[in-house]
Amino acid sequence: MNFLSKLAKGEYSLPMTFWVYGTLYQILIGAIMIATIYFGVASIDTAGLDYSQEKSKVIEEVFSRMGLGYLIAILLEILILVIYTIIVTIGLWRSASNRDGWFWSAIVKIMIAGSLLYYLYGVLLSYNII
């Protein structure tokens, strides 16, 4: 927990936080999720799937055939990824604030603000609010 606490407080350097904890670790967690989904899909019988229907229906059918263990693992991995992403984002912002010099600090803060606006836009769009 000391690692996550230091990360959230921005006590690591900006390059270390961005490249190692923000990028490399997220790729690693994503690869684990992809492997879990791959093995979950490989464990089901896909012979009766109708691939001509809408993509969301095919995905829904695949996940409904998956074992409970795989579904729980995928949900836990998503939860871990979301929590970790929030911690890294807070740590990036604080690390950028602690950094001498304005250029990279400003770039990181603009990227974070842009990402948050983009995610908010996606949520509003998916719920047909805009």
N, C-alpha and C. Protein backbone atom coordinates (compact mmCIF):
# COMPACT_ATOMS: atom_id res chain seq x y z
N MET A 1 0.81 -1.20 0.00
CA MET A 1 0.00 0.00 0.00
C MET A 1 0.86 1.26 0.00
N ASN A 2 2.08 1.16 0.54
CA ASN A 2 2.97 2.31 0.56
C ASN A 2 3.23 2.81 -0.86
N PHE A 3 3.37 1.87 -1.81
CA PHE A 3 3.60 2.23 -3.21
C PHE A 3 2.45 3.05 -3.75
N LEU A 4 1.21 2.59 -3.55
CA LEU A 4 0.04 3.30 -4.05
C LEU A 4 -0.12 4.66 -3.38
N SER A 5 0.20 4.72 -2.09
CA SER A 5 0.11 5.99 -1.37
C SER A 5 1.12 6.99 -1.92
N LYS A 6 2.35 6.55 -2.12
CA LYS A 6 3.37 7.44 -2.69
C LYS A 6 3.00 7.85 -4.11
N LEU A 7 2.43 6.90 -4.87
CA LEU A 7 2.02 7.20 -6.24
C LEU A 7 0.93 8.26 -6.26
N ALA A 8 -0.08 8.11 -5.41
CA ALA A 8 -1.19 9.06 -5.36
C ALA A 8 -0.75 10.44 -4.87
N LYS A 9 0.26 10.48 -4.03
CA LYS A 9 0.75 11.77 -3.53
C LYS A 9 1.68 12.47 -4.52
N GLY A 10 2.03 11.80 -5.61
CA GLY A 10 2.91 12.42 -6.60
C GLY A 10 4.36 12.45 -6.17
N GLU A 11 4.76 11.49 -5.34
CA GLU A 11 6.12 11.49 -4.81
C GLU A 11 7.14 10.87 -5.78
N TYR A 12 6.67 10.25 -6.83
CA TYR A 12 7.58 9.73 -7.85
C TYR A 12 7.77 10.80 -8.92
N SER A 13 8.87 10.71 -9.65
CA SER A 13 9.13 11.70 -10.69
C SER A 13 8.06 11.61 -11.78
N LEU A 14 7.88 12.70 -12.50
CA LEU A 14 6.88 12.74 -13.55
C LEU A 14 7.16 11.70 -14.65
N PRO A 15 8.41 11.59 -15.15
CA PRO A 15 8.66 10.56 -16.18
C PRO A 15 8.39 9.14 -15.66
N MET A 16 8.79 8.86 -14.42
CA MET A 16 8.57 7.53 -13.84
C MET A 16 7.07 7.26 -13.69
N THR A 17 6.34 8.24 -13.20
CA THR A 17 4.90 8.08 -13.02
C THR A 17 4.20 7.87 -14.37
N PHE A 18 4.57 8.67 -15.36
CA PHE A 18 3.91 8.59 -16.66
C PHE A 18 4.27 7.31 -17.40
N TRP A 19 5.56 7.05 -17.59
CA TRP A 19 5.98 5.95 -18.45
C TRP A 19 5.89 4.59 -17.78
N VAL A 20 6.31 4.49 -16.53
CA VAL A 20 6.33 3.17 -15.87
C VAL A 20 4.98 2.86 -15.24
N TYR A 21 4.52 3.73 -14.34
CA TYR A 21 3.29 3.43 -13.61
C TYR A 21 2.04 3.73 -14.41
N GLY A 22 2.10 4.72 -15.28
CA GLY A 22 0.93 5.08 -16.07
C GLY A 22 0.79 4.30 -17.35
N THR A 23 1.89 4.03 -18.02
CA THR A 23 1.82 3.38 -19.33
C THR A 23 2.14 1.89 -19.23
N LEU A 24 3.31 1.55 -18.73
CA LEU A 24 3.75 0.15 -18.70
C LEU A 24 2.83 -0.73 -17.85
N TYR A 25 2.49 -0.26 -16.66
CA TYR A 25 1.62 -1.06 -15.79
C TYR A 25 0.23 -1.21 -16.38
N GLN A 26 -0.28 -0.15 -17.03
CA GLN A 26 -1.62 -0.23 -17.63
C GLN A 26 -1.62 -1.24 -18.78
N ILE A 27 -0.52 -1.26 -19.55
CA ILE A 27 -0.40 -2.25 -20.64
C ILE A 27 -0.37 -3.66 -20.05
N LEU A 28 0.35 -3.84 -18.96
CA LEU A 28 0.43 -5.14 -18.30
C LEU A 28 -0.93 -5.59 -17.79
N ILE A 29 -1.65 -4.71 -17.12
CA ILE A 29 -2.98 -5.05 -16.62
C ILE A 29 -3.92 -5.35 -17.79
N GLY A 30 -3.84 -4.56 -18.86
CA GLY A 30 -4.65 -4.80 -20.05
C GLY A 30 -4.35 -6.15 -20.69
N ALA A 31 -3.06 -6.52 -20.73
CA ALA A 31 -2.68 -7.82 -21.30
C ALA A 31 -3.25 -8.97 -20.47
N ILE A 32 -3.25 -8.81 -19.16
CA ILE A 32 -3.83 -9.84 -18.29
C ILE A 32 -5.33 -9.95 -18.55
N MET A 33 -6.00 -8.82 -18.73
CA MET A 33 -7.44 -8.84 -19.02
C MET A 33 -7.71 -9.52 -20.36
N ILE A 34 -6.92 -9.20 -21.36
CA ILE A 34 -7.10 -9.81 -22.68
C ILE A 34 -6.89 -11.32 -22.59
N ALA A 35 -5.88 -11.75 -21.84
CA ALA A 35 -5.63 -13.18 -21.67
C ALA A 35 -6.81 -13.86 -20.97
N THR A 36 -7.35 -13.23 -19.96
CA THR A 36 -8.51 -13.80 -19.25
C THR A 36 -9.70 -13.94 -20.19
N ILE A 37 -9.97 -12.88 -20.97
CA ILE A 37 -11.09 -12.94 -21.91
C ILE A 37 -10.82 -14.00 -22.97
N TYR A 38 -9.58 -14.08 -23.46
CA TYR A 38 -9.23 -15.09 -24.48
C TYR A 38 -9.50 -16.50 -23.97
N PHE A 39 -9.00 -16.79 -22.76
CA PHE A 39 -9.20 -18.14 -22.22
C PHE A 39 -10.66 -18.39 -21.86
N GLY A 40 -11.37 -17.33 -21.45
CA GLY A 40 -12.79 -17.48 -21.18
C GLY A 40 -13.57 -17.82 -22.44
N VAL A 41 -13.25 -17.15 -23.55
CA VAL A 41 -13.92 -17.43 -24.82
C VAL A 41 -13.50 -18.80 -25.35
N ALA A 42 -12.24 -19.17 -25.16
CA ALA A 42 -11.76 -20.47 -25.62
C ALA A 42 -12.42 -21.62 -24.86
N SER A 43 -12.93 -21.32 -23.65
CA SER A 43 -13.53 -22.37 -22.83
C SER A 43 -14.98 -22.67 -23.20
N ILE A 44 -15.58 -21.88 -24.09
CA ILE A 44 -16.99 -22.10 -24.43
C ILE A 44 -17.13 -22.72 -25.81
N ASP A 45 -18.29 -23.24 -26.06
CA ASP A 45 -18.61 -23.82 -27.37
C ASP A 45 -19.22 -22.70 -28.22
N THR A 46 -18.49 -22.30 -29.26
CA THR A 46 -18.95 -21.20 -30.11
C THR A 46 -19.67 -21.70 -31.36
N ALA A 47 -19.93 -22.98 -31.43
CA ALA A 47 -20.51 -23.56 -32.64
C ALA A 47 -21.89 -22.98 -32.97
N GLY A 48 -22.68 -22.71 -31.98
CA GLY A 48 -24.05 -22.26 -32.24
C GLY A 48 -24.22 -20.75 -32.30
N LEU A 49 -23.13 -20.00 -32.29
CA LEU A 49 -23.24 -18.54 -32.30
C LEU A 49 -23.63 -18.04 -33.68
N ASP A 50 -24.53 -17.10 -33.71
CA ASP A 50 -24.95 -16.48 -34.96
C ASP A 50 -24.18 -15.17 -35.12
N TYR A 51 -23.12 -15.20 -35.92
CA TYR A 51 -22.26 -14.03 -36.10
C TYR A 51 -22.85 -12.99 -37.03
N SER A 52 -23.98 -13.29 -37.64
CA SER A 52 -24.59 -12.32 -38.55
C SER A 52 -25.40 -11.27 -37.81
N GLN A 53 -25.66 -11.49 -36.52
CA GLN A 53 -26.44 -10.52 -35.76
C GLN A 53 -25.55 -9.37 -35.28
N GLU A 54 -26.15 -8.41 -34.66
CA GLU A 54 -25.47 -7.22 -34.17
C GLU A 54 -24.33 -7.61 -33.23
N LYS A 55 -23.21 -6.84 -33.28
CA LYS A 55 -22.03 -7.15 -32.48
C LYS A 55 -22.34 -7.25 -31.00
N SER A 56 -23.14 -6.33 -30.49
CA SER A 56 -23.44 -6.35 -29.05
C SER A 56 -24.18 -7.62 -28.65
N LYS A 57 -25.01 -8.14 -29.55
CA LYS A 57 -25.74 -9.39 -29.27
C LYS A 57 -24.78 -10.58 -29.23
N VAL A 58 -23.80 -10.60 -30.15
CA VAL A 58 -22.82 -11.68 -30.17
C VAL A 58 -21.99 -11.64 -28.89
N ILE A 59 -21.54 -10.46 -28.50
CA ILE A 59 -20.75 -10.31 -27.27
C ILE A 59 -21.56 -10.74 -26.06
N GLU A 60 -22.81 -10.33 -26.01
CA GLU A 60 -23.69 -10.71 -24.91
C GLU A 60 -23.84 -12.23 -24.83
N GLU A 61 -24.00 -12.87 -25.98
CA GLU A 61 -24.14 -14.33 -26.03
C GLU A 61 -22.85 -15.02 -25.57
N VAL A 62 -21.72 -14.50 -26.01
CA VAL A 62 -20.43 -15.09 -25.62
C VAL A 62 -20.26 -15.01 -24.10
N PHE A 63 -20.51 -13.83 -23.52
CA PHE A 63 -20.34 -13.67 -22.08
C PHE A 63 -21.37 -14.48 -21.29
N SER A 64 -22.56 -14.69 -21.86
CA SER A 64 -23.55 -15.50 -21.15
C SER A 64 -23.16 -16.97 -21.11
N ARG A 65 -22.33 -17.41 -22.05
CA ARG A 65 -21.88 -18.81 -22.08
C ARG A 65 -20.61 -19.03 -21.26
N MET A 66 -19.94 -17.96 -20.89
CA MET A 66 -18.69 -18.07 -20.15
C MET A 66 -18.94 -18.53 -18.73
N GLY A 67 -17.98 -19.22 -18.15
CA GLY A 67 -18.09 -19.69 -16.78
C GLY A 67 -18.06 -18.54 -15.78
N LEU A 68 -18.66 -18.75 -14.63
CA LEU A 68 -18.75 -17.74 -13.59
C LEU A 68 -17.37 -17.29 -13.13
N GLY A 69 -16.44 -18.21 -13.05
CA GLY A 69 -15.08 -17.88 -12.61
C GLY A 69 -14.42 -16.86 -13.53
N TYR A 70 -14.58 -17.05 -14.83
CA TYR A 70 -14.01 -16.09 -15.79
C TYR A 70 -14.69 -14.74 -15.66
N LEU A 71 -16.01 -14.73 -15.52
CA LEU A 71 -16.73 -13.47 -15.39
C LEU A 71 -16.32 -12.70 -14.15
N ILE A 72 -16.17 -13.40 -13.03
CA ILE A 72 -15.73 -12.76 -11.79
C ILE A 72 -14.31 -12.22 -11.96
N ALA A 73 -13.43 -13.00 -12.59
CA ALA A 73 -12.05 -12.55 -12.81
C ALA A 73 -12.02 -11.31 -13.69
N ILE A 74 -12.82 -11.27 -14.74
CA ILE A 74 -12.86 -10.11 -15.63
C ILE A 74 -13.38 -8.89 -14.88
N LEU A 75 -14.43 -9.05 -14.09
CA LEU A 75 -14.97 -7.92 -13.32
C LEU A 75 -13.96 -7.41 -12.30
N LEU A 76 -13.26 -8.30 -11.62
CA LEU A 76 -12.23 -7.89 -10.67
C LEU A 76 -11.09 -7.15 -11.37
N GLU A 77 -10.69 -7.66 -12.53
CA GLU A 77 -9.62 -7.00 -13.28
C GLU A 77 -10.05 -5.61 -13.74
N ILE A 78 -11.29 -5.46 -14.16
CA ILE A 78 -11.80 -4.14 -14.56
C ILE A 78 -11.81 -3.20 -13.35
N LEU A 79 -12.26 -3.70 -12.21
CA LEU A 79 -12.30 -2.90 -10.99
C LEU A 79 -10.89 -2.45 -10.59
N ILE A 80 -9.94 -3.38 -10.63
CA ILE A 80 -8.54 -3.04 -10.30
C ILE A 80 -8.01 -2.00 -11.28
N LEU A 81 -8.30 -2.17 -12.57
CA LEU A 81 -7.83 -1.22 -13.57
C LEU A 81 -8.41 0.16 -13.35
N VAL A 82 -9.70 0.25 -13.03
CA VAL A 82 -10.34 1.55 -12.81
C VAL A 82 -9.74 2.24 -11.58
N ILE A 83 -9.62 1.51 -10.49
CA ILE A 83 -9.04 2.08 -9.26
C ILE A 83 -7.60 2.51 -9.50
N TYR A 84 -6.82 1.65 -10.16
CA TYR A 84 -5.42 1.98 -10.43
C TYR A 84 -5.32 3.20 -11.35
N THR A 85 -6.18 3.28 -12.35
CA THR A 85 -6.16 4.43 -13.26
C THR A 85 -6.46 5.73 -12.53
N ILE A 86 -7.40 5.70 -11.60
CA ILE A 86 -7.72 6.89 -10.81
C ILE A 86 -6.51 7.30 -9.97
N ILE A 87 -5.86 6.33 -9.33
CA ILE A 87 -4.68 6.62 -8.52
C ILE A 87 -3.56 7.18 -9.37
N VAL A 88 -3.31 6.59 -10.53
CA VAL A 88 -2.25 7.08 -11.42
C VAL A 88 -2.57 8.49 -11.91
N THR A 89 -3.82 8.75 -12.25
CA THR A 89 -4.20 10.08 -12.73
C THR A 89 -3.98 11.14 -11.66
N ILE A 90 -4.38 10.84 -10.44
CA ILE A 90 -4.13 11.77 -9.32
C ILE A 90 -2.63 11.95 -9.12
N GLY A 91 -1.89 10.84 -9.15
CA GLY A 91 -0.44 10.91 -8.99
C GLY A 91 0.24 11.69 -10.09
N LEU A 92 -0.22 11.53 -11.33
CA LEU A 92 0.34 12.29 -12.45
C LEU A 92 0.11 13.79 -12.24
N TRP A 93 -1.09 14.15 -11.87
CA TRP A 93 -1.41 15.56 -11.66
C TRP A 93 -0.51 16.15 -10.57
N ARG A 94 -0.41 15.44 -9.45
CA ARG A 94 0.40 15.93 -8.34
C ARG A 94 1.89 15.93 -8.67
N SER A 95 2.34 14.92 -9.38
CA SER A 95 3.74 14.88 -9.80
C SER A 95 4.05 16.02 -10.75
N ALA A 96 3.12 16.33 -11.63
CA ALA A 96 3.30 17.47 -12.54
C ALA A 96 3.34 18.78 -11.76
N SER A 97 2.55 18.88 -10.70
CA SER A 97 2.56 20.09 -9.87
C SER A 97 3.86 20.23 -9.10
N ASN A 98 4.50 19.10 -8.75
CA ASN A 98 5.75 19.12 -7.99
C ASN A 98 6.98 19.34 -8.87
N ARG A 99 6.81 19.26 -10.16
CA ARG A 99 7.94 19.32 -11.10
C ARG A 99 8.38 20.76 -11.33
N ASP A 100 9.72 20.93 -11.40
CA ASP A 100 10.27 22.23 -11.79
C ASP A 100 10.09 22.38 -13.29
N GLY A 101 9.81 23.55 -13.72
CA GLY A 101 9.59 23.80 -15.15
C GLY A 101 8.11 23.68 -15.47
N TRP A 102 7.69 24.45 -16.43
CA TRP A 102 6.27 24.52 -16.73
C TRP A 102 5.85 23.64 -17.90
N PHE A 103 6.74 23.34 -18.85
CA PHE A 103 6.32 22.73 -20.11
C PHE A 103 5.68 21.35 -19.92
N TRP A 104 6.43 20.39 -19.35
CA TRP A 104 5.91 19.03 -19.22
C TRP A 104 4.76 18.97 -18.21
N SER A 105 4.83 19.82 -17.20
CA SER A 105 3.72 19.89 -16.24
C SER A 105 2.43 20.30 -16.94
N ALA A 106 2.54 21.33 -17.78
CA ALA A 106 1.36 21.81 -18.51
C ALA A 106 0.86 20.76 -19.49
N ILE A 107 1.77 20.10 -20.20
CA ILE A 107 1.38 19.07 -21.17
C ILE A 107 0.60 17.95 -20.48
N VAL A 108 1.12 17.47 -19.36
CA VAL A 108 0.46 16.38 -18.63
C VAL A 108 -0.91 16.81 -18.12
N LYS A 109 -1.01 18.00 -17.58
CA LYS A 109 -2.29 18.47 -17.06
C LYS A 109 -3.30 18.68 -18.19
N ILE A 110 -2.85 19.16 -19.34
CA ILE A 110 -3.74 19.31 -20.49
C ILE A 110 -4.21 17.93 -20.96
N MET A 111 -3.30 16.94 -20.98
CA MET A 111 -3.69 15.57 -21.38
C MET A 111 -4.71 14.98 -20.42
N ILE A 112 -4.52 15.19 -19.13
CA ILE A 112 -5.47 14.67 -18.14
C ILE A 112 -6.83 15.35 -18.31
N ALA A 113 -6.83 16.66 -18.43
CA ALA A 113 -8.10 17.40 -18.59
C ALA A 113 -8.80 16.97 -19.89
N GLY A 114 -8.03 16.82 -20.96
CA GLY A 114 -8.61 16.38 -22.23
C GLY A 114 -9.20 14.99 -22.14
N SER A 115 -8.49 14.09 -21.46
CA SER A 115 -8.99 12.72 -21.28
C SER A 115 -10.28 12.70 -20.49
N LEU A 116 -10.33 13.47 -19.42
CA LEU A 116 -11.55 13.52 -18.61
C LEU A 116 -12.73 14.07 -19.42
N LEU A 117 -12.49 15.12 -20.21
CA LEU A 117 -13.55 15.65 -21.05
C LEU A 117 -14.00 14.63 -22.10
N TYR A 118 -13.04 13.90 -22.66
CA TYR A 118 -13.36 12.88 -23.66
C TYR A 118 -14.19 11.76 -23.05
N TYR A 119 -13.83 11.29 -21.84
CA TYR A 119 -14.60 10.24 -21.17
C TYR A 119 -16.00 10.73 -20.82
N LEU A 120 -16.08 11.96 -20.32
CA LEU A 120 -17.39 12.53 -20.00
C LEU A 120 -18.25 12.62 -21.25
N TYR A 121 -17.68 13.06 -22.35
CA TYR A 121 -18.40 13.14 -23.63
C TYR A 121 -18.89 11.74 -24.04
N GLY A 122 -18.04 10.72 -23.88
CA GLY A 122 -18.43 9.34 -24.23
C GLY A 122 -19.59 8.85 -23.38
N VAL A 123 -19.55 9.16 -22.10
CA VAL A 123 -20.64 8.75 -21.21
C VAL A 123 -21.94 9.45 -21.60
N LEU A 124 -21.86 10.75 -21.81
CA LEU A 124 -23.06 11.50 -22.19
C LEU A 124 -23.61 11.01 -23.53
N LEU A 125 -22.73 10.68 -24.44
CA LEU A 125 -23.15 10.20 -25.76
C LEU A 125 -23.78 8.81 -25.66
N SER A 126 -23.19 7.94 -24.83
CA SER A 126 -23.70 6.57 -24.73
C SER A 126 -25.08 6.51 -24.07
N TYR A 127 -25.39 7.48 -23.23
CA TYR A 127 -26.70 7.53 -22.59
C TYR A 127 -27.66 8.47 -23.33
N ASN A 128 -27.28 8.86 -24.54
CA ASN A 128 -28.09 9.73 -25.39
C ASN A 128 -28.50 11.03 -24.71
N ILE A 129 -27.60 11.56 -23.88
CA ILE A 129 -27.86 12.82 -23.21
C ILE A 129 -27.53 13.99 -24.16
N ILE A 130 -26.55 13.76 -25.02
CA ILE A 130 -26.22 14.79 -26.02
C ILE A 130 -26.35 14.21 -27.41
